[in-house]
Amino acid sequence: MARILLTEQQAGRIISAQKNINTNVDWDYRANEGYAKCQLIVSNTLGVNLKVYGNVNMEEPTTFSFSLVLSNAYRIRGLDVSGSHRNKHTDDNEWRGETHKHKWSDRCRDAFAYTPKETVPSDDIAQAFEVFCKECNIGFAGQVRPLPPKQIGMKI
C-alpha cells in the first residue's frame, strides 16, 4: 500500500485547526539512550492522529527538540534548540548548534528549516514548549514537569 503524501496546503490546514494537549509533559529517561523523551496526544477538530514528541539530551540539557507529527509519519512542525541542520533543497542555510524551526513544505517535506523570529530560550524547556505550542496553534494548560535526575552508571 502506497503512502499518501502530505501537501503543504494540508499541513497548513492542520496548523490552523484548533488543537489541545490535555495532559502534563512528563519525561521518560532511559540512561542507555542518554535522552529524556515525551509523547503527547494532540486532540483536534479535524479528527486526525497528531502527537507532539519531545527529546532532551541529558548530557547537554540545553539541546532539545519538539515535533508535531501527523499519523506517526509526517513531522509538520519542529523546533530544534541548539541543533544543527543544513537546508539541502532550497537556500543552503545552515545552523551549527543553533536554534531553528522546521516547517513542512512540498519541496523539502520536513527538511526545510528557518531561524525563528521570536527568542526561544535554551535554558527554559517549559517556555520553549509554550513558544512551540503557540506556533502550532496548540492550546496547553498543563505543566511541563522537571527533567528526571540523570542516572550515572558505575562499574564496581
Protein backbone atom coordinates (compact mmCIF):
# COMPACT_ATOMS: atom_id res chain seq x y z
CA MET A 1 0.00 0.00 0.00
CA ALA A 2 1.49 3.33 -1.07
CA ARG A 3 1.80 6.13 1.46
CA ILE A 4 -0.24 9.22 0.63
CA LEU A 5 1.93 12.33 0.53
CA LEU A 6 1.00 15.24 2.70
CA THR A 7 0.84 18.59 0.91
CA GLU A 8 1.96 21.94 2.27
CA GLN A 9 -1.63 23.16 2.00
CA GLN A 10 -2.91 20.23 4.07
CA ALA A 11 -0.21 20.84 6.68
CA GLY A 12 -1.31 24.48 6.83
CA ARG A 13 -4.92 23.43 7.46
CA ILE A 14 -3.76 21.20 10.31
CA ILE A 15 -1.77 24.07 11.85
CA SER A 16 -4.78 26.42 11.52
CA ALA A 17 -7.19 23.96 13.17
CA GLN A 18 -7.93 24.17 16.89
CA LYS A 19 -5.75 21.73 18.83
CA ASN A 20 -5.18 20.97 22.51
CA ILE A 21 -2.87 18.97 24.74
CA ASN A 22 -4.84 17.89 27.79
CA THR A 23 -2.04 16.32 29.84
CA ASN A 24 1.15 17.40 31.55
CA VAL A 25 4.53 16.93 29.90
CA ASP A 26 6.13 14.04 31.77
CA TRP A 27 9.62 12.91 30.80
CA ASP A 28 10.77 9.32 30.35
CA TYR A 29 14.53 8.93 30.80
CA ARG A 30 16.43 5.86 29.74
CA ALA A 31 20.05 6.13 30.79
CA ASN A 32 21.29 3.84 28.00
CA GLU A 33 19.87 6.24 25.38
CA GLY A 34 21.04 9.47 27.03
CA TYR A 35 17.77 11.26 26.23
CA ALA A 36 14.64 12.15 28.15
CA LYS A 37 11.58 11.84 25.93
CA CYS A 38 7.91 12.70 26.00
CA GLN A 39 4.99 11.80 23.77
CA LEU A 40 1.75 13.78 23.94
CA ILE A 41 -1.56 13.16 22.19
CA VAL A 42 -2.92 16.29 20.50
CA SER A 43 -6.71 16.45 20.36
CA ASN A 44 -8.00 18.36 17.36
CA THR A 45 -11.15 19.38 15.49
CA LEU A 46 -10.05 17.54 12.34
CA GLY A 47 -10.04 14.13 13.98
CA VAL A 48 -6.54 13.29 12.71
CA ASN A 49 -3.82 11.42 14.61
CA LEU A 50 -1.48 14.12 15.96
CA LYS A 51 1.24 13.81 18.57
CA VAL A 52 3.96 16.03 19.96
CA TYR A 53 7.27 14.33 20.61
CA GLY A 54 9.95 15.91 22.77
CA ASN A 55 13.60 14.91 23.19
CA VAL A 56 16.15 16.37 25.61
CA ASN A 57 19.84 15.49 25.51
CA MET A 58 20.57 14.70 29.16
CA GLU A 59 24.31 15.29 28.66
CA GLU A 60 23.55 18.79 27.38
CA PRO A 61 20.00 19.75 28.51
CA THR A 62 20.09 23.00 26.51
CA THR A 63 19.92 20.79 23.39
CA PHE A 64 16.35 19.64 22.83
CA SER A 65 13.58 19.39 20.27
CA PHE A 66 9.81 19.27 19.89
CA SER A 67 7.99 17.90 16.85
CA LEU A 68 4.33 17.91 15.80
CA VAL A 69 3.80 14.64 13.94
CA LEU A 70 0.81 13.52 11.86
CA SER A 71 -0.08 9.81 11.75
CA ASN A 72 3.31 8.80 13.21
CA ALA A 73 4.80 9.65 9.81
CA TYR A 74 4.85 13.37 8.96
CA ARG A 75 6.69 15.97 11.05
CA ILE A 76 4.73 19.04 10.07
CA ARG A 77 6.45 21.40 12.54
CA GLY A 78 9.63 21.11 14.53
CA LEU A 79 11.70 23.16 16.95
CA ASP A 80 15.36 22.26 17.41
CA VAL A 81 17.08 24.20 20.19
CA SER A 82 20.88 24.25 19.92
CA GLY A 83 20.67 21.83 17.00
CA SER A 84 22.48 21.50 13.69
CA HIS A 85 20.92 21.35 10.21
CA ARG A 86 21.52 22.42 6.61
CA ASN A 87 18.83 23.12 4.04
CA LYS A 88 19.74 20.93 1.07
CA HIS A 89 16.76 21.58 -1.20
CA THR A 90 16.44 25.35 -1.12
CA ASP A 91 18.81 28.00 0.17
CA ASP A 92 21.75 26.10 1.76
CA ASN A 93 21.21 27.93 5.06
CA GLU A 94 22.99 26.16 7.89
CA TRP A 95 22.70 26.04 11.68
CA ARG A 96 25.51 24.68 13.85
CA GLY A 97 24.42 24.28 17.44
CA GLU A 98 21.79 26.96 16.82
CA THR A 99 18.06 27.15 17.32
CA HIS A 100 15.96 26.64 14.21
CA LYS A 101 12.47 25.53 13.25
CA HIS A 102 11.20 23.08 10.66
CA LYS A 103 8.10 23.55 8.54
CA TRP A 104 6.52 21.02 6.15
CA SER A 105 6.89 22.06 2.52
CA ASP A 106 6.02 20.41 -0.78
CA ARG A 107 9.60 20.71 -2.00
CA CYS A 108 11.52 19.62 1.11
CA ARG A 109 8.94 17.72 3.18
CA ASP A 110 10.07 18.12 6.82
CA ALA A 111 13.64 19.14 5.95
CA PHE A 112 13.03 22.87 5.38
CA ALA A 113 14.38 24.90 8.31
CA TYR A 114 14.40 28.58 9.18
CA THR A 115 15.53 30.85 12.00
CA PRO A 116 12.67 31.77 14.35
CA LYS A 117 11.73 35.44 14.65
CA GLU A 118 10.99 35.16 18.36
CA THR A 119 13.50 34.32 21.04
CA VAL A 120 13.42 30.68 22.09
CA PRO A 121 15.17 30.11 25.43
CA SER A 122 17.61 27.22 25.56
CA ASP A 123 17.69 27.26 29.37
CA ASP A 124 13.92 27.01 29.93
CA ILE A 125 12.31 23.97 28.32
CA ALA A 126 8.84 24.89 29.60
CA GLN A 127 8.98 28.34 28.00
CA ALA A 128 10.34 26.89 24.74
CA PHE A 129 7.45 24.38 24.75
CA GLU A 130 4.98 27.28 25.09
CA VAL A 131 6.61 29.01 22.08
CA PHE A 132 6.30 25.77 20.10
CA CYS A 133 2.65 25.27 21.06
CA LYS A 134 1.81 28.87 20.14
CA GLU A 135 3.31 28.49 16.66
CA CYS A 136 1.45 25.22 16.13
CA ASN A 137 -1.85 26.68 17.41
CA ILE A 138 -1.99 24.15 20.25
CA GLY A 139 -3.72 25.05 23.49
CA PHE A 140 -1.83 23.81 26.54
CA ALA A 141 -2.96 24.37 30.12
CA GLY A 142 -0.86 21.65 31.73
CA GLN A 143 2.59 21.76 33.23
CA VAL A 144 5.97 20.86 31.82
CA ARG A 145 7.36 18.67 34.57
CA PRO A 146 11.05 18.96 35.52
CA LEU A 147 13.51 16.64 33.83
CA PRO A 148 14.23 13.47 35.78
CA PRO A 149 17.60 13.21 37.51
CA LYS A 150 20.34 11.85 35.31
CA GLN A 151 21.48 8.40 36.34
CA ILE A 152 25.20 7.78 36.28
CA GLY A 153 26.28 4.22 35.63
CA MET A 154 29.19 2.98 37.71
CA LYS A 155 31.24 -0.15 37.29
CA ILE A 156 32.26 -1.64 40.59
